[in-house]
Amino acid sequence: MAVLWRLRYKLGLRDVAELLLQRGFEVIYETIRVWEFRFAPLVSENLRNKRRGIAGRSWYLDETYIKVGGHWRYLYRAIDREGNLLDSMLSEHRDKHAARRFLRRLIDSAGRSTCA
C-alpha cells in the first residue's frame, strides 16, 4: 500500500510514513524507500497488465529532456485523448531504437497489433 500511495499520489517518503503511522504502523521513511526500490517494478507491471486494451483510439506522444539522479535523460510519454497516461519510459538516448522500443512496449500494453 505504501508503494502504491507513493507512486500514485506523488507523496514524499516522510508523508507516506506519517500516513502509515496514523493507521498504526510505525515505519521509518528509509524502509519505504527500500520497499519502493524493490516493489515499484512489480506494481508498475501489474498496473500495466490491468490497463491492457483500455487505451483510447487516439494517442498523443511527447518527449522531454529531464534530469534524474544527476543525469540527463529523455522521458517519452503517451497519453490518450481522455488524458490517461498510457505509458512512459526513461532513456539515455534519443534515437530511432529508443523510440521504437517505447512504441512497441506501448502497443503491446495497449493490446493493439504491431505494424512496424
PDB file of N, CA and C in Angstrom:
ATOM      1  N   MET A   1       0.831  -1.182   0.000  1.00  0.00           N
ATOM      2  CA  MET A   1       0.000   0.000   0.000  1.00  0.00           C
ATOM      3  C   MET A   1       0.881   1.254   0.000  1.00  0.00           C
ATOM      4  N   ALA A   2       1.968   1.219   0.753  1.00  0.00           N
ATOM      5  CA  ALA A   2       2.853   2.386   0.842  1.00  0.00           C
ATOM      6  C   ALA A   2       3.457   2.714  -0.514  1.00  0.00           C
ATOM      7  N   VAL A   3       3.879   1.694  -1.250  1.00  0.00           N
ATOM      8  CA  VAL A   3       4.473   1.923  -2.569  1.00  0.00           C
ATOM      9  C   VAL A   3       3.421   2.466  -3.532  1.00  0.00           C
ATOM     10  N   LEU A   4       2.225   1.924  -3.465  1.00  0.00           N
ATOM     11  CA  LEU A   4       1.145   2.406  -4.326  1.00  0.00           C
ATOM     12  C   LEU A   4       0.819   3.865  -4.036  1.00  0.00           C
ATOM     13  N   TRP A   5       0.732   4.238  -2.762  1.00  0.00           N
ATOM     14  CA  TRP A   5       0.492   5.642  -2.402  1.00  0.00           C
ATOM     15  C   TRP A   5       1.599   6.527  -2.954  1.00  0.00           C
ATOM     16  N   ARG A   6       2.828   6.073  -2.795  1.00  0.00           N
ATOM     17  CA  ARG A   6       3.983   6.873  -3.228  1.00  0.00           C
ATOM     18  C   ARG A   6       3.954   7.090  -4.738  1.00  0.00           C
ATOM     19  N   LEU A   7       3.650   6.030  -5.490  1.00  0.00           N
ATOM     20  CA  LEU A   7       3.650   6.134  -6.945  1.00  0.00           C
ATOM     21  C   LEU A   7       2.417   6.854  -7.479  1.00  0.00           C
ATOM     22  N   ARG A   8       1.265   6.540  -6.926  1.00  0.00           N
ATOM     23  CA  ARG A   8       0.013   7.078  -7.463  1.00  0.00           C
ATOM     24  C   ARG A   8      -0.197   8.541  -7.116  1.00  0.00           C
ATOM     25  N   TYR A   9       0.105   8.918  -5.881  1.00  0.00           N
ATOM     26  CA  TYR A   9      -0.217  10.269  -5.420  1.00  0.00           C
ATOM     27  C   TYR A   9       0.988  11.182  -5.297  1.00  0.00           C
ATOM     28  N   LYS A  10       2.163  10.715  -5.706  1.00  0.00           N
ATOM     29  CA  LYS A  10       3.390  11.527  -5.703  1.00  0.00           C
ATOM     30  C   LYS A  10       3.697  12.088  -4.311  1.00  0.00           C
ATOM     31  N   LEU A  11       3.505  11.262  -3.291  1.00  0.00           N
ATOM     32  CA  LEU A  11       3.777  11.673  -1.918  1.00  0.00           C
ATOM     33  C   LEU A  11       5.255  11.495  -1.599  1.00  0.00           C
ATOM     34  N   GLY A  12       5.746  12.279  -0.665  1.00  0.00           N
ATOM     35  CA  GLY A  12       7.112  12.128  -0.201  1.00  0.00           C
ATOM     36  C   GLY A  12       7.238  10.923   0.716  1.00  0.00           C
ATOM     37  N   LEU A  13       8.483  10.475   0.910  1.00  0.00           N
ATOM     38  CA  LEU A  13       8.718   9.319   1.772  1.00  0.00           C
ATOM     39  C   LEU A  13       8.214   9.559   3.191  1.00  0.00           C
ATOM     40  N   ARG A  14       8.478  10.751   3.703  1.00  0.00           N
ATOM     41  CA  ARG A  14       8.051  11.079   5.068  1.00  0.00           C
ATOM     42  C   ARG A  14       6.524  11.203   5.161  1.00  0.00           C
ATOM     43  N   ASP A  15       5.893  11.665   4.086  1.00  0.00           N
ATOM     44  CA  ASP A  15       4.425  11.749   4.081  1.00  0.00           C
ATOM     45  C   ASP A  15       3.789  10.357   4.169  1.00  0.00           C
ATOM     46  N   VAL A  16       4.346   9.407   3.419  1.00  0.00           N
ATOM     47  CA  VAL A  16       3.822   8.047   3.447  1.00  0.00           C
ATOM     48  C   VAL A  16       4.049   7.426   4.822  1.00  0.00           C
ATOM     49  N   ALA A  17       5.221   7.675   5.415  1.00  0.00           N
ATOM     50  CA  ALA A  17       5.499   7.159   6.760  1.00  0.00           C
ATOM     51  C   ALA A  17       4.501   7.730   7.768  1.00  0.00           C
ATOM     52  N   GLU A  18       4.151   8.995   7.613  1.00  0.00           N
ATOM     53  CA  GLU A  18       3.175   9.623   8.504  1.00  0.00           C
ATOM     54  C   GLU A  18       1.780   9.020   8.323  1.00  0.00           C
ATOM     55  N   LEU A  19       1.389   8.754   7.070  1.00  0.00           N
ATOM     56  CA  LEU A  19       0.092   8.123   6.822  1.00  0.00           C
ATOM     57  C   LEU A  19       0.027   6.721   7.435  1.00  0.00           C
ATOM     58  N   LEU A  20       1.117   5.982   7.318  1.00  0.00           N
ATOM     59  CA  LEU A  20       1.152   4.653   7.925  1.00  0.00           C
ATOM     60  C   LEU A  20       1.102   4.740   9.446  1.00  0.00           C
ATOM     61  N   LEU A  21       1.744   5.752  10.020  1.00  0.00           N
ATOM     62  CA  LEU A  21       1.714   5.942  11.466  1.00  0.00           C
ATOM     63  C   LEU A  21       0.290   6.215  11.942  1.00  0.00           C
ATOM     64  N   GLN A  22      -0.470   6.991  11.175  1.00  0.00           N
ATOM     65  CA  GLN A  22      -1.865   7.259  11.522  1.00  0.00           C
ATOM     66  C   GLN A  22      -2.715   5.996  11.486  1.00  0.00           C
ATOM     67  N   ARG A  23      -2.283   5.013  10.704  1.00  0.00           N
ATOM     68  CA  ARG A  23      -3.008   3.739  10.623  1.00  0.00           C
ATOM     69  C   ARG A  23      -2.463   2.711  11.617  1.00  0.00           C
ATOM     70  N   GLY A  24      -1.477   3.113  12.429  1.00  0.00           N
ATOM     71  CA  GLY A  24      -0.970   2.235  13.477  1.00  0.00           C
ATOM     72  C   GLY A  24       0.301   1.481  13.145  1.00  0.00           C
ATOM     73  N   PHE A  25       0.960   1.810  12.029  1.00  0.00           N
ATOM     74  CA  PHE A  25       2.201   1.143  11.638  1.00  0.00           C
ATOM     75  C   PHE A  25       3.355   2.121  11.770  1.00  0.00           C
ATOM     76  N   GLU A  26       4.326   1.783  12.597  1.00  0.00           N
ATOM     77  CA  GLU A  26       5.482   2.656  12.783  1.00  0.00           C
ATOM     78  C   GLU A  26       6.596   2.197  11.844  1.00  0.00           C
ATOM     79  N   VAL A  27       6.817   2.983  10.790  1.00  0.00           N
ATOM     80  CA  VAL A  27       7.793   2.660   9.752  1.00  0.00           C
ATOM     81  C   VAL A  27       8.616   3.909   9.482  1.00  0.00           C
ATOM     82  N   ILE A  28       9.937   3.751   9.363  1.00  0.00           N
ATOM     83  CA  ILE A  28      10.771   4.912   9.015  1.00  0.00           C
ATOM     84  C   ILE A  28      10.757   5.096   7.501  1.00  0.00           C
ATOM     85  N   TYR A  29      11.046   6.311   7.079  1.00  0.00           N
ATOM     86  CA  TYR A  29      10.950   6.631   5.655  1.00  0.00           C
ATOM     87  C   TYR A  29      11.969   5.862   4.826  1.00  0.00           C
ATOM     88  N   GLU A  30      13.097   5.485   5.408  1.00  0.00           N
ATOM     89  CA  GLU A  30      14.114   4.737   4.672  1.00  0.00           C
ATOM     90  C   GLU A  30      13.593   3.349   4.281  1.00  0.00           C
ATOM     91  N   THR A  31      12.774   2.764   5.122  1.00  0.00           N
ATOM     92  CA  THR A  31      12.167   1.468   4.808  1.00  0.00           C
ATOM     93  C   THR A  31      11.243   1.598   3.602  1.00  0.00           C
ATOM     94  N   ILE A  32      10.514   2.681   3.527  1.00  0.00           N
ATOM     95  CA  ILE A  32       9.616   2.907   2.391  1.00  0.00           C
ATOM     96  C   ILE A  32      10.415   3.061   1.107  1.00  0.00           C
ATOM     97  N   ARG A  33      11.577   3.712   1.192  1.00  0.00           N
ATOM     98  CA  ARG A  33      12.447   3.856   0.023  1.00  0.00           C
ATOM     99  C   ARG A  33      12.911   2.487  -0.470  1.00  0.00           C
ATOM    100  N   VAL A  34      13.285   1.609   0.455  1.00  0.00           N
ATOM    101  CA  VAL A  34      13.716   0.263   0.097  1.00  0.00           C
ATOM    102  C   VAL A  34      12.557  -0.516  -0.521  1.00  0.00           C
ATOM    103  N   TRP A  35      11.364  -0.405   0.059  1.00  0.00           N
ATOM    104  CA  TRP A  35      10.181  -1.069  -0.496  1.00  0.00           C
ATOM    105  C   TRP A  35       9.904  -0.582  -1.913  1.00  0.00           C
ATOM    106  N   GLU A  36      10.020   0.723  -2.103  1.00  0.00           N
ATOM    107  CA  GLU A  36       9.755   1.286  -3.434  1.00  0.00           C
ATOM    108  C   GLU A  36      10.749   0.739  -4.452  1.00  0.00           C
ATOM    109  N   PHE A  37      12.013   0.683  -4.077  1.00  0.00           N
ATOM    110  CA  PHE A  37      13.037   0.162  -4.987  1.00  0.00           C
ATOM    111  C   PHE A  37      12.747  -1.296  -5.346  1.00  0.00           C
ATOM    112  N   ARG A  38      12.265  -2.056  -4.375  1.00  0.00           N
ATOM    113  CA  ARG A  38      12.030  -3.475  -4.590  1.00  0.00           C
ATOM    114  C   ARG A  38      10.704  -3.765  -5.286  1.00  0.00           C
ATOM    115  N   PHE A  39       9.642  -3.076  -4.887  1.00  0.00           N
ATOM    116  CA  PHE A  39       8.305  -3.434  -5.347  1.00  0.00           C
ATOM    117  C   PHE A  39       7.724  -2.541  -6.440  1.00  0.00           C
ATOM    118  N   ALA A  40       8.308  -1.379  -6.715  1.00  0.00           N
ATOM    119  CA  ALA A  40       7.752  -0.483  -7.735  1.00  0.00           C
ATOM    120  C   ALA A  40       7.679  -1.145  -9.117  1.00  0.00           C
ATOM    121  N   PRO A  41       8.711  -1.885  -9.554  1.00  0.00           N
ATOM    122  CA  PRO A  41       8.574  -2.548 -10.859  1.00  0.00           C
ATOM    123  C   PRO A  41       7.422  -3.549 -10.896  1.00  0.00           C
ATOM    124  N   LEU A  42       7.184  -4.261  -9.793  1.00  0.00           N
ATOM    125  CA  LEU A  42       6.086  -5.229  -9.757  1.00  0.00           C
ATOM    126  C   LEU A  42       4.729  -4.535  -9.809  1.00  0.00           C
ATOM    127  N   VAL A  43       4.593  -3.453  -9.044  1.00  0.00           N
ATOM    128  CA  VAL A  43       3.342  -2.699  -9.038  1.00  0.00           C
ATOM    129  C   VAL A  43       3.099  -2.086 -10.416  1.00  0.00           C
ATOM    130  N   SER A  44       4.153  -1.541 -11.000  1.00  0.00           N
ATOM    131  CA  SER A  44       4.039  -0.918 -12.316  1.00  0.00           C
ATOM    132  C   SER A  44       3.622  -1.940 -13.374  1.00  0.00           C
ATOM    133  N   GLU A  45       4.226  -3.112 -13.362  1.00  0.00           N
ATOM    134  CA  GLU A  45       3.879  -4.149 -14.332  1.00  0.00           C
ATOM    135  C   GLU A  45       2.445  -4.638 -14.122  1.00  0.00           C
ATOM    136  N   ASN A  46       2.031  -4.757 -12.869  1.00  0.00           N
ATOM    137  CA  ASN A  46       0.666  -5.177 -12.566  1.00  0.00           C
ATOM    138  C   ASN A  46      -0.345  -4.156 -13.089  1.00  0.00           C
ATOM    139  N   LEU A  47      -0.074  -2.877 -12.870  1.00  0.00           N
ATOM    140  CA  LEU A  47      -0.973  -1.838 -13.366  1.00  0.00           C
ATOM    141  C   LEU A  47      -1.001  -1.809 -14.889  1.00  0.00           C
ATOM    142  N   ARG A  48       0.156  -2.018 -15.516  1.00  0.00           N
ATOM    143  CA  ARG A  48       0.226  -2.035 -16.977  1.00  0.00           C
ATOM    144  C   ARG A  48      -0.604  -3.190 -17.534  1.00  0.00           C
ATOM    145  N   ASN A  49      -0.549  -4.362 -16.880  1.00  0.00           N
ATOM    146  CA  ASN A  49      -1.337  -5.512 -17.344  1.00  0.00           C
ATOM    147  C   ASN A  49      -2.829  -5.270 -17.177  1.00  0.00           C
ATOM    148  N   LYS A  50      -3.249  -4.608 -16.087  1.00  0.00           N
ATOM    149  CA  LYS A  50      -4.665  -4.307 -15.884  1.00  0.00           C
ATOM    150  C   LYS A  50      -5.178  -3.305 -16.908  1.00  0.00           C
ATOM    151  N   ARG A  51      -4.290  -2.431 -17.387  1.00  0.00           N
ATOM    152  CA  ARG A  51      -4.672  -1.389 -18.330  1.00  0.00           C
ATOM    153  C   ARG A  51      -4.741  -1.925 -19.760  1.00  0.00           C
ATOM    154  N   ARG A  52      -4.262  -3.128 -19.984  1.00  0.00           N
ATOM    155  CA  ARG A  52      -4.173  -3.695 -21.338  1.00  0.00           C
ATOM    156  C   ARG A  52      -5.525  -3.635 -22.050  1.00  0.00           C
ATOM    157  N   GLY A  53      -5.528  -3.051 -23.250  1.00  0.00           N
ATOM    158  CA  GLY A  53      -6.728  -2.995 -24.065  1.00  0.00           C
ATOM    159  C   GLY A  53      -7.686  -1.866 -23.725  1.00  0.00           C
ATOM    160  N   ILE A  54      -7.365  -1.004 -22.767  1.00  0.00           N
ATOM    161  CA  ILE A  54      -8.279   0.054 -22.336  1.00  0.00           C
ATOM    162  C   ILE A  54      -7.960   1.392 -23.012  1.00  0.00           C
ATOM    163  N   ALA A  55      -6.841   1.475 -23.689  1.00  0.00           N
ATOM    164  CA  ALA A  55      -6.420   2.737 -24.295  1.00  0.00           C
ATOM    165  C   ALA A  55      -7.416   3.203 -25.350  1.00  0.00           C
ATOM    166  N   GLY A  56      -7.560   4.517 -25.449  1.00  0.00           N
ATOM    167  CA  GLY A  56      -8.427   5.092 -26.466  1.00  0.00           C
ATOM    168  C   GLY A  56      -7.831   4.938 -27.852  1.00  0.00           C
ATOM    169  N   ARG A  57      -8.581   5.348 -28.850  1.00  0.00           N
ATOM    170  CA  ARG A  57      -8.118   5.182 -30.230  1.00  0.00           C
ATOM    171  C   ARG A  57      -7.099   6.228 -30.643  1.00  0.00           C
ATOM    172  N   SER A  58      -7.112   7.378 -30.010  1.00  0.00           N
ATOM    173  CA  SER A  58      -6.208   8.463 -30.372  1.00  0.00           C
ATOM    174  C   SER A  58      -5.202   8.695 -29.250  1.00  0.00           C
ATOM    175  N   TRP A  59      -3.910   8.715 -29.602  1.00  0.00           N
ATOM    176  CA  TRP A  59      -2.846   8.890 -28.615  1.00  0.00           C
ATOM    177  C   TRP A  59      -2.023  10.116 -28.947  1.00  0.00           C
ATOM    178  N   TYR A  60      -1.497  10.737 -27.913  1.00  0.00           N
ATOM    179  CA  TYR A  60      -0.554  11.833 -28.069  1.00  0.00           C
ATOM    180  C   TYR A  60       0.780  11.380 -27.486  1.00  0.00           C
ATOM    181  N   LEU A  61       1.840  11.519 -28.252  1.00  0.00           N
ATOM    182  CA  LEU A  61       3.170  11.131 -27.806  1.00  0.00           C
ATOM    183  C   LEU A  61       4.024  12.384 -27.654  1.00  0.00           C
ATOM    184  N   ASP A  62       4.842  12.402 -26.604  1.00  0.00           N
ATOM    185  CA  ASP A  62       5.782  13.503 -26.476  1.00  0.00           C
ATOM    186  C   ASP A  62       7.047  12.999 -25.802  1.00  0.00           C
ATOM    187  N   GLU A  63       8.077  13.817 -25.894  1.00  0.00           N
ATOM    188  CA  GLU A  63       9.335  13.512 -25.229  1.00  0.00           C
ATOM    189  C   GLU A  63       9.897  14.804 -24.676  1.00  0.00           C
ATOM    190  N   THR A  64      10.627  14.665 -23.608  1.00  0.00           N
ATOM    191  CA  THR A  64      11.260  15.827 -22.997  1.00  0.00           C
ATOM    192  C   THR A  64      12.579  15.396 -22.385  1.00  0.00           C
ATOM    193  N   TYR A  65      13.408  16.335 -22.053  1.00  0.00           N
ATOM    194  CA  TYR A  65      14.738  16.097 -21.504  1.00  0.00           C
ATOM    195  C   TYR A  65      14.713  16.530 -20.052  1.00  0.00           C
ATOM    196  N   ILE A  66      14.901  15.581 -19.120  1.00  0.00           N
ATOM    197  CA  ILE A  66      14.828  15.899 -17.699  1.00  0.00           C
ATOM    198  C   ILE A  66      16.064  15.361 -16.983  1.00  0.00           C
ATOM    199  N   LYS A  67      16.324  15.921 -15.815  1.00  0.00           N
ATOM    200  CA  LYS A  67      17.455  15.476 -15.007  1.00  0.00           C
ATOM    201  C   LYS A  67      16.949  14.519 -13.939  1.00  0.00           C
ATOM    202  N   VAL A  68      17.484  13.297 -13.935  1.00  0.00           N
ATOM    203  CA  VAL A  68      17.081  12.266 -12.985  1.00  0.00           C
ATOM    204  C   VAL A  68      18.337  11.748 -12.292  1.00  0.00           C
ATOM    205  N   GLY A  69      18.401  11.931 -10.992  1.00  0.00           N
ATOM    206  CA  GLY A  69      19.547  11.444 -10.239  1.00  0.00           C
ATOM    207  C   GLY A  69      20.861  12.058 -10.686  1.00  0.00           C
ATOM    208  N   GLY A  70      20.827  13.297 -11.119  1.00  0.00           N
ATOM    209  CA  GLY A  70      22.042  13.982 -11.544  1.00  0.00           C
ATOM    210  C   GLY A  70      22.442  13.721 -12.985  1.00  0.00           C
ATOM    211  N   HIS A  71      21.659  12.916 -13.716  1.00  0.00           N
ATOM    212  CA  HIS A  71      21.965  12.608 -15.113  1.00  0.00           C
ATOM    213  C   HIS A  71      20.802  13.042 -15.993  1.00  0.00           C
ATOM    214  N   TRP A  72      21.115  13.573 -17.153  1.00  0.00           N
ATOM    215  CA  TRP A  72      20.071  13.983 -18.090  1.00  0.00           C
ATOM    216  C   TRP A  72      19.566  12.765 -18.843  1.00  0.00           C
ATOM    217  N   ARG A  73      18.234  12.634 -18.912  1.00  0.00           N
ATOM    218  CA  ARG A  73      17.575  11.513 -19.577  1.00  0.00           C
ATOM    219  C   ARG A  73      16.410  12.028 -20.411  1.00  0.00           C
ATOM    220  N   TYR A  74      16.029  11.233 -21.396  1.00  0.00           N
ATOM    221  CA  TYR A  74      14.864  11.544 -22.218  1.00  0.00           C
ATOM    222  C   TYR A  74      13.657  10.818 -21.641  1.00  0.00           C
ATOM    223  N   LEU A  75      12.563  11.540 -21.467  1.00  0.00           N
ATOM    224  CA  LEU A  75      11.317  10.971 -20.969  1.00  0.00           C
ATOM    225  C   LEU A  75      10.328  10.921 -22.124  1.00  0.00           C
ATOM    226  N   TYR A  76       9.931   9.717 -22.490  1.00  0.00           N
ATOM    227  CA  TYR A  76       8.914   9.514 -23.511  1.00  0.00           C
ATOM    228  C   TYR A  76       7.593   9.244 -22.796  1.00  0.00           C
ATOM    229  N   ARG A  77       6.496   9.856 -23.263  1.00  0.00           N
ATOM    230  CA  ARG A  77       5.173   9.650 -22.671  1.00  0.00           C
ATOM    231  C   ARG A  77       4.138   9.476 -23.766  1.00  0.00           C
ATOM    232  N   ALA A  78       3.112   8.684 -23.447  1.00  0.00           N
ATOM    233  CA  ALA A  78       1.966   8.514 -24.338  1.00  0.00           C
ATOM    234  C   ALA A  78       0.704   8.747 -23.522  1.00  0.00           C
ATOM    235  N   ILE A  79      -0.183   9.601 -24.047  1.00  0.00           N
ATOM    236  CA  ILE A  79      -1.417   9.968 -23.363  1.00  0.00           C
ATOM    237  C   ILE A  79      -2.551   9.809 -24.368  1.00  0.00           C
ATOM    238  N   ASP A  80      -3.674   9.215 -23.932  1.00  0.00           N
ATOM    239  CA  ASP A  80      -4.795   9.094 -24.852  1.00  0.00           C
ATOM    240  C   ASP A  80      -5.630  10.372 -24.821  1.00  0.00           C
ATOM    241  N   ARG A  81      -6.627  10.425 -25.674  1.00  0.00           N
ATOM    242  CA  ARG A  81      -7.426  11.637 -25.837  1.00  0.00           C
ATOM    243  C   ARG A  81      -8.136  12.056 -24.554  1.00  0.00           C
ATOM    244  N   GLU A  82      -8.474  11.084 -23.688  1.00  0.00           N
ATOM    245  CA  GLU A  82      -9.141  11.389 -22.425  1.00  0.00           C
ATOM    246  C   GLU A  82      -8.173  11.888 -21.352  1.00  0.00           C
ATOM    247  N   GLY A  83      -6.881  11.900 -21.642  1.00  0.00           N
ATOM    248  CA  GLY A  83      -5.892  12.388 -20.685  1.00  0.00           C
ATOM    249  C   GLY A  83      -5.299  11.321 -19.797  1.00  0.00           C
ATOM    250  N   ASN A  84      -5.563  10.046 -20.081  1.00  0.00           N
ATOM    251  CA  ASN A  84      -4.989   8.956 -19.293  1.00  0.00           C
ATOM    252  C   ASN A  84      -3.577   8.659 -19.763  1.00  0.00           C
ATOM    253  N   LEU A  85      -2.659   8.539 -18.813  1.00  0.00           N
ATOM    254  CA  LEU A  85      -1.280   8.190 -19.147  1.00  0.00           C
ATOM    255  C   LEU A  85      -1.246   6.721 -19.529  1.00  0.00           C
ATOM    256  N   LEU A  86      -0.832   6.434 -20.761  1.00  0.00           N
ATOM    257  CA  LEU A  86      -0.781   5.060 -21.237  1.00  0.00           C
ATOM    258  C   LEU A  86       0.533   4.391 -20.859  1.00  0.00           C
ATOM    259  N   ASP A  87       1.632   5.094 -21.047  1.00  0.00           N
ATOM    260  CA  ASP A  87       2.937   4.533 -20.731  1.00  0.00           C
ATOM    261  C   ASP A  87       3.968   5.653 -20.726  1.00  0.00           C
ATOM    262  N   SER A  88       5.086   5.394 -20.048  1.00  0.00           N
ATOM    263  CA  SER A  88       6.197   6.333 -20.051  1.00  0.00           C
ATOM    264  C   SER A  88       7.482   5.537 -19.982  1.00  0.00           C
ATOM    265  N   MET A  89       8.579   6.130 -20.446  1.00  0.00           N
ATOM    266  CA  MET A  89       9.860   5.444 -20.471  1.00  0.00           C
ATOM    267  C   MET A  89      10.987   6.458 -20.380  1.00  0.00           C
ATOM    268  N   LEU A  90      11.990   6.162 -19.558  1.00  0.00           N
ATOM    269  CA  LEU A  90      13.204   6.964 -19.487  1.00  0.00           C
ATOM    270  C   LEU A  90      14.268   6.302 -20.341  1.00  0.00           C
ATOM    271  N   SER A  91      15.029   7.109 -21.073  1.00  0.00           N
ATOM    272  CA  SER A  91      16.072   6.570 -21.932  1.00  0.00           C
ATOM    273  C   SER A  91      17.296   7.471 -21.902  1.00  0.00           C
ATOM    274  N   GLU A  92      18.457   6.859 -22.006  1.00  0.00           N
ATOM    275  CA  GLU A  92      19.688   7.648 -22.087  1.00  0.00           C
ATOM    276  C   GLU A  92      19.822   8.316 -23.450  1.00  0.00           C
ATOM    277  N   HIS A  93      19.285   7.663 -24.471  1.00  0.00           N
ATOM    278  CA  HIS A  93      19.498   8.115 -25.841  1.00  0.00           C
ATOM    279  C   HIS A  93      18.195   8.570 -26.481  1.00  0.00           C
ATOM    280  N   ARG A  94      18.311   9.499 -27.395  1.00  0.00           N
ATOM    281  CA  ARG A  94      17.183   9.940 -28.208  1.00  0.00           C
ATOM    282  C   ARG A  94      17.501   9.536 -29.639  1.00  0.00           C
ATOM    283  N   ASP A  95      17.133   8.323 -29.978  1.00  0.00           N
ATOM    284  CA  ASP A  95      17.409   7.808 -31.309  1.00  0.00           C
ATOM    285  C   ASP A  95      16.258   6.903 -31.757  1.00  0.00           C
ATOM    286  N   LYS A  96      16.402   6.358 -32.940  1.00  0.00           N
ATOM    287  CA  LYS A  96      15.351   5.536 -33.519  1.00  0.00           C
ATOM    288  C   LYS A  96      15.094   4.282 -32.682  1.00  0.00           C
ATOM    289  N   HIS A  97      16.144   3.694 -32.133  1.00  0.00           N
ATOM    290  CA  HIS A  97      15.983   2.469 -31.353  1.00  0.00           C
ATOM    291  C   HIS A  97      15.196   2.715 -30.070  1.00  0.00           C
ATOM    292  N   ALA A  98      15.462   3.825 -29.403  1.00  0.00           N
ATOM    293  CA  ALA A  98      14.727   4.147 -28.172  1.00  0.00           C
ATOM    294  C   ALA A  98      13.257   4.418 -28.480  1.00  0.00           C
ATOM    295  N   ALA A  99      13.006   5.136 -29.561  1.00  0.00           N
ATOM    296  CA  ALA A  99      11.616   5.447 -29.931  1.00  0.00           C
ATOM    297  C   ALA A  99      10.855   4.174 -30.314  1.00  0.00           C
ATOM    298  N   ARG A 100      11.493   3.291 -31.068  1.00  0.00           N
ATOM    299  CA  ARG A 100      10.822   2.040 -31.448  1.00  0.00           C
ATOM    300  C   ARG A 100      10.559   1.153 -30.236  1.00  0.00           C
ATOM    301  N   ARG A 101      11.533   1.098 -29.315  1.00  0.00           N
ATOM    302  CA  ARG A 101      11.349   0.300 -28.104  1.00  0.00           C
ATOM    303  C   ARG A 101      10.144   0.806 -27.318  1.00  0.00           C
ATOM    304  N   PHE A 102      10.027   2.132 -27.201  1.00  0.00           N
ATOM    305  CA  PHE A 102       8.894   2.717 -26.487  1.00  0.00           C
ATOM    306  C   PHE A 102       7.584   2.417 -27.198  1.00  0.00           C
ATOM    307  N   LEU A 103       7.545   2.593 -28.504  1.00  0.00           N
ATOM    308  CA  LEU A 103       6.316   2.357 -29.254  1.00  0.00           C
ATOM    309  C   LEU A 103       5.899   0.891 -29.218  1.00  0.00           C
ATOM    310  N   ARG A 104       6.846  -0.032 -29.313  1.00  0.00           N
ATOM    311  CA  ARG A 104       6.496  -1.459 -29.235  1.00  0.00           C
ATOM    312  C   ARG A 104       5.921  -1.796 -27.869  1.00  0.00           C
ATOM    313  N   ARG A 105       6.547  -1.272 -26.815  1.00  0.00           N
ATOM    314  CA  ARG A 105       6.044  -1.526 -25.467  1.00  0.00           C
ATOM    315  C   ARG A 105       4.658  -0.909 -25.292  1.00  0.00           C
ATOM    316  N   LEU A 106       4.465   0.280 -25.837  1.00  0.00           N
ATOM    317  CA  LEU A 106       3.170   0.950 -25.755  1.00  0.00           C
ATOM    318  C   LEU A 106       2.093   0.160 -26.486  1.00  0.00           C
ATOM    319  N   ILE A 107       2.387  -0.280 -27.674  1.00  0.00           N
ATOM    320  CA  ILE A 107       1.410  -1.031 -28.462  1.00  0.00           C
ATOM    321  C   ILE A 107       1.102  -2.365 -27.795  1.00  0.00           C
ATOM    322  N   ASP A 108       2.117  -3.025 -27.235  1.00  0.00           N
ATOM    323  CA  ASP A 108       1.876  -4.288 -26.525  1.00  0.00           C
ATOM    324  C   ASP A 108       0.992  -4.084 -25.304  1.00  0.00           C
ATOM    325  N   SER A 109       1.230  -3.012 -24.556  1.00  0.00           N
ATOM    326  CA  SER A 109       0.438  -2.783 -23.346  1.00  0.00           C
ATOM    327  C   SER A 109      -0.977  -2.315 -23.666  1.00  0.00           C
ATOM    328  N   ALA A 110      -1.164  -1.717 -24.848  1.00  0.00           N
ATOM    329  CA  ALA A 110      -2.492  -1.221 -25.230  1.00  0.00           C
ATOM    330  C   ALA A 110      -3.327  -2.300 -25.920  1.00  0.00           C
ATOM    331  N   GLY A 111      -2.711  -3.451 -26.227  1.00  0.00           N
ATOM    332  CA  GLY A 111      -3.462  -4.545 -26.832  1.00  0.00           C
ATOM    333  C   GLY A 111      -3.687  -4.397 -28.318  1.00  0.00           C
ATOM    334  N   ARG A 112      -2.900  -3.594 -28.965  1.00  0.00           N
ATOM    335  CA  ARG A 112      -3.012  -3.415 -30.421  1.00  0.00           C
ATOM    336  C   ARG A 112      -1.965  -4.283 -31.110  1.00  0.00           C
ATOM    337  N   SER A 113      -2.162  -4.560 -32.388  1.00  0.00           N
ATOM    338  CA  SER A 113      -1.157  -5.340 -33.137  1.00  0.00           C
ATOM    339  C   SER A 113      -0.132  -4.386 -33.731  1.00  0.00           C
ATOM    340  N   THR A 114       1.113  -4.847 -33.817  1.00  0.00           N
ATOM    341  CA  THR A 114       2.195  -4.016 -34.335  1.00  0.00           C
ATOM    342  C   THR A 114       2.191  -4.045 -35.853  1.00  0.00           C
ATOM    343  N   CYS A 115       2.625  -2.954 -36.441  1.00  0.00           N
ATOM    344  CA  CYS A 115       2.722  -2.888 -37.885  1.00  0.00           C
ATOM    345  C   CYS A 115       4.131  -2.512 -38.311  1.00  0.00           C
ATOM    346  N   ALA A 116       5.047  -2.300 -37.351  1.00  0.00           N
ATOM    347  CA  ALA A 116       6.421  -1.921 -37.681  1.00  0.00           C
ATOM    348  C   ALA A 116       7.332  -3.118 -37.725  1.00  0.00           C
TER     349      ALA A 116
END
